[in-house]
């Protein structure tokens, strides 16, 4: 496991995954904000929380499934 820390390929993969996660996270925030803006004021906060929580859970599940497929 320690030898993975000195592998440039692992660092490149980690950096790529980190950038993708940041971009997708920002994309989720923008999309959910636009979609929630169409709701009545009383329901907007709840919609944002549910949407972002769902996006986070889906992303974690997808990453776990990729790790399972690779393993």
N, C-alpha and C. Protein backbone atom coordinates (compact mmCIF):
# COMPACT_ATOMS: atom_id res chain seq x y z
N UNK A 1 0.81 -1.19 0.00
CA UNK A 1 0.00 0.00 0.00
C UNK A 1 0.87 1.26 0.00
N UNK A 2 1.95 1.25 0.72
CA UNK A 2 2.85 2.41 0.78
C UNK A 2 3.46 2.71 -0.59
N UNK A 3 3.75 1.68 -1.36
CA UNK A 3 4.36 1.90 -2.68
C UNK A 3 3.42 2.63 -3.63
N UNK A 4 2.12 2.60 -3.36
CA UNK A 4 1.17 3.35 -4.19
C UNK A 4 1.37 4.85 -4.06
N UNK A 5 1.85 5.30 -2.90
CA UNK A 5 2.06 6.73 -2.69
C UNK A 5 3.17 7.30 -3.56
N UNK A 6 4.08 6.46 -4.01
CA UNK A 6 5.18 6.94 -4.85
C UNK A 6 4.91 6.75 -6.34
N UNK A 7 3.75 6.20 -6.69
CA UNK A 7 3.41 5.95 -8.08
C UNK A 7 2.74 7.20 -8.69
N UNK A 8 3.35 7.82 -9.71
CA UNK A 8 2.76 9.02 -10.32
C UNK A 8 1.40 8.74 -10.97
N UNK A 9 1.19 7.53 -11.45
CA UNK A 9 -0.09 7.19 -12.05
C UNK A 9 -1.24 7.25 -11.05
N UNK A 10 -0.95 6.82 -9.83
CA UNK A 10 -1.96 6.87 -8.77
C UNK A 10 -2.29 8.33 -8.44
N UNK A 11 -1.28 9.17 -8.36
CA UNK A 11 -1.50 10.58 -8.07
C UNK A 11 -2.27 11.26 -9.19
N UNK A 12 -1.97 10.93 -10.44
CA UNK A 12 -2.70 11.49 -11.57
C UNK A 12 -4.16 11.06 -11.54
N UNK A 13 -4.40 9.80 -11.23
CA UNK A 13 -5.78 9.30 -11.13
C UNK A 13 -6.53 10.00 -9.99
N UNK A 14 -5.86 10.14 -8.88
CA UNK A 14 -6.47 10.81 -7.73
C UNK A 14 -6.80 12.26 -8.05
N UNK A 15 -5.89 12.96 -8.71
CA UNK A 15 -6.13 14.36 -9.08
C UNK A 15 -7.29 14.47 -10.07
N UNK A 16 -7.33 13.57 -11.05
CA UNK A 16 -8.42 13.58 -12.02
C UNK A 16 -9.75 13.33 -11.35
N UNK A 17 -9.81 12.34 -10.47
CA UNK A 17 -11.04 12.04 -9.76
C UNK A 17 -11.48 13.20 -8.88
N UNK A 18 -10.53 13.85 -8.23
CA UNK A 18 -10.85 14.99 -7.38
C UNK A 18 -11.44 16.13 -8.19
N UNK A 19 -10.85 16.44 -9.33
CA UNK A 19 -11.35 17.51 -10.20
C UNK A 19 -12.74 17.17 -10.72
N UNK A 20 -12.95 15.93 -11.13
CA UNK A 20 -14.27 15.52 -11.60
C UNK A 20 -15.32 15.64 -10.51
N UNK A 21 -14.99 15.25 -9.30
CA UNK A 21 -15.93 15.35 -8.19
C UNK A 21 -16.29 16.81 -7.90
N UNK A 22 -15.31 17.69 -7.96
CA UNK A 22 -15.57 19.11 -7.72
C UNK A 22 -16.48 19.68 -8.80
N UNK A 23 -16.17 19.38 -10.07
CA UNK A 23 -16.98 19.88 -11.18
C UNK A 23 -18.41 19.34 -11.10
N UNK A 24 -18.56 18.05 -10.83
CA UNK A 24 -19.89 17.48 -10.73
C UNK A 24 -20.65 18.02 -9.52
N UNK A 25 -19.95 18.28 -8.44
CA UNK A 25 -20.59 18.86 -7.27
C UNK A 25 -21.13 20.25 -7.56
N UNK A 26 -20.34 21.08 -8.23
CA UNK A 26 -20.79 22.42 -8.60
C UNK A 26 -21.96 22.33 -9.57
N UNK A 27 -21.89 21.41 -10.52
CA UNK A 27 -22.97 21.20 -11.47
C UNK A 27 -24.26 20.83 -10.74
N UNK A 28 -24.16 19.95 -9.76
CA UNK A 28 -25.34 19.57 -8.98
C UNK A 28 -25.94 20.76 -8.25
N UNK A 29 -25.10 21.58 -7.65
CA UNK A 29 -25.59 22.75 -6.91
C UNK A 29 -26.33 23.70 -7.84
N UNK A 30 -25.75 23.96 -9.01
CA UNK A 30 -26.38 24.88 -9.96
C UNK A 30 -27.71 24.31 -10.46
N UNK A 31 -27.71 23.05 -10.87
CA UNK A 31 -28.93 22.44 -11.40
C UNK A 31 -30.04 22.41 -10.35
N UNK A 32 -29.71 21.99 -9.14
CA UNK A 32 -30.72 21.89 -8.09
C UNK A 32 -31.23 23.28 -7.70
N UNK A 33 -30.35 24.28 -7.71
CA UNK A 33 -30.79 25.65 -7.41
C UNK A 33 -31.77 26.16 -8.46
N UNK A 34 -31.48 25.89 -9.73
CA UNK A 34 -32.38 26.31 -10.81
C UNK A 34 -33.72 25.59 -10.70
N UNK A 35 -33.67 24.29 -10.46
CA UNK A 35 -34.90 23.52 -10.35
C UNK A 35 -35.71 23.93 -9.12
N UNK A 36 -35.04 24.19 -8.01
CA UNK A 36 -35.74 24.57 -6.78
C UNK A 36 -36.32 25.98 -6.87
N UNK A 37 -35.76 26.82 -7.73
CA UNK A 37 -36.26 28.19 -7.86
C UNK A 37 -37.67 28.22 -8.42
N UNK A 38 -38.09 27.17 -9.07
CA UNK A 38 -39.44 27.11 -9.63
C UNK A 38 -40.49 26.71 -8.59
N UNK A 39 -40.05 26.27 -7.44
CA UNK A 39 -40.97 25.84 -6.39
C UNK A 39 -41.41 27.04 -5.55
N UNK A 40 -42.51 26.87 -4.81
CA UNK A 40 -42.89 27.94 -3.88
C UNK A 40 -41.80 28.15 -2.83
N UNK A 41 -41.73 29.35 -2.32
CA UNK A 41 -40.67 29.74 -1.38
C UNK A 41 -40.57 28.79 -0.18
N UNK A 42 -41.69 28.33 0.32
CA UNK A 42 -41.69 27.47 1.51
C UNK A 42 -41.04 26.11 1.26
N UNK A 43 -41.03 25.65 0.01
CA UNK A 43 -40.52 24.32 -0.31
C UNK A 43 -39.10 24.32 -0.87
N UNK A 44 -38.54 25.48 -1.14
CA UNK A 44 -37.21 25.56 -1.79
C UNK A 44 -36.09 24.96 -0.95
N UNK A 45 -36.04 25.31 0.32
CA UNK A 45 -34.95 24.81 1.17
C UNK A 45 -35.00 23.30 1.28
N UNK A 46 -36.20 22.77 1.49
CA UNK A 46 -36.35 21.31 1.61
C UNK A 46 -35.95 20.62 0.31
N UNK A 47 -36.32 21.20 -0.82
CA UNK A 47 -35.96 20.62 -2.12
C UNK A 47 -34.44 20.63 -2.32
N UNK A 48 -33.78 21.72 -1.93
CA UNK A 48 -32.32 21.78 -2.07
C UNK A 48 -31.64 20.74 -1.20
N UNK A 49 -32.10 20.59 0.03
CA UNK A 49 -31.50 19.61 0.95
C UNK A 49 -31.70 18.19 0.42
N UNK A 50 -32.92 17.87 0.00
CA UNK A 50 -33.20 16.53 -0.53
C UNK A 50 -32.40 16.29 -1.81
N UNK A 51 -32.34 17.27 -2.69
CA UNK A 51 -31.60 17.11 -3.95
C UNK A 51 -30.11 16.91 -3.75
N UNK A 52 -29.51 17.72 -2.90
CA UNK A 52 -28.07 17.59 -2.65
C UNK A 52 -27.74 16.33 -1.89
N UNK A 53 -28.60 15.94 -0.96
CA UNK A 53 -28.38 14.69 -0.24
C UNK A 53 -28.47 13.49 -1.19
N UNK A 54 -29.47 13.52 -2.05
CA UNK A 54 -29.62 12.45 -3.04
C UNK A 54 -28.43 12.38 -3.98
N UNK A 55 -27.94 13.53 -4.42
CA UNK A 55 -26.78 13.56 -5.31
C UNK A 55 -25.55 13.00 -4.61
N UNK A 56 -25.37 13.36 -3.35
CA UNK A 56 -24.22 12.86 -2.59
C UNK A 56 -24.29 11.35 -2.41
N UNK A 57 -25.47 10.86 -2.05
CA UNK A 57 -25.63 9.42 -1.84
C UNK A 57 -25.40 8.66 -3.15
N UNK A 58 -25.95 9.17 -4.25
CA UNK A 58 -25.76 8.51 -5.54
C UNK A 58 -24.29 8.49 -5.95
N UNK A 59 -23.58 9.59 -5.72
CA UNK A 59 -22.17 9.64 -6.09
C UNK A 59 -21.35 8.64 -5.27
N UNK A 60 -21.64 8.55 -3.98
CA UNK A 60 -20.92 7.59 -3.13
C UNK A 60 -21.23 6.16 -3.57
N UNK A 61 -22.50 5.88 -3.86
CA UNK A 61 -22.86 4.53 -4.32
C UNK A 61 -22.20 4.18 -5.65
N UNK A 62 -22.13 5.14 -6.55
CA UNK A 62 -21.47 4.89 -7.84
C UNK A 62 -19.97 4.64 -7.66
N UNK A 63 -19.33 5.41 -6.79
CA UNK A 63 -17.91 5.19 -6.53
C UNK A 63 -17.67 3.83 -5.88
N UNK A 64 -18.57 3.43 -4.97
CA UNK A 64 -18.43 2.12 -4.35
C UNK A 64 -18.64 1.00 -5.37
N UNK A 65 -19.57 1.20 -6.30
CA UNK A 65 -19.80 0.16 -7.31
C UNK A 65 -18.60 0.06 -8.27
N UNK A 66 -17.99 1.18 -8.59
CA UNK A 66 -16.80 1.15 -9.45
C UNK A 66 -15.66 0.42 -8.72
N UNK A 67 -15.50 0.72 -7.44
CA UNK A 67 -14.46 0.04 -6.66
C UNK A 67 -14.73 -1.47 -6.59
N UNK A 68 -16.00 -1.85 -6.47
CA UNK A 68 -16.36 -3.28 -6.43
C UNK A 68 -16.08 -3.94 -7.77
N UNK A 69 -16.40 -3.27 -8.88
CA UNK A 69 -16.16 -3.83 -10.21
C UNK A 69 -14.65 -4.01 -10.44
N UNK A 70 -13.87 -3.00 -10.06
CA UNK A 70 -12.41 -3.10 -10.25
C UNK A 70 -11.84 -4.21 -9.38
N UNK A 71 -12.36 -4.34 -8.16
CA UNK A 71 -11.84 -5.36 -7.24
C UNK A 71 -12.21 -6.74 -7.70
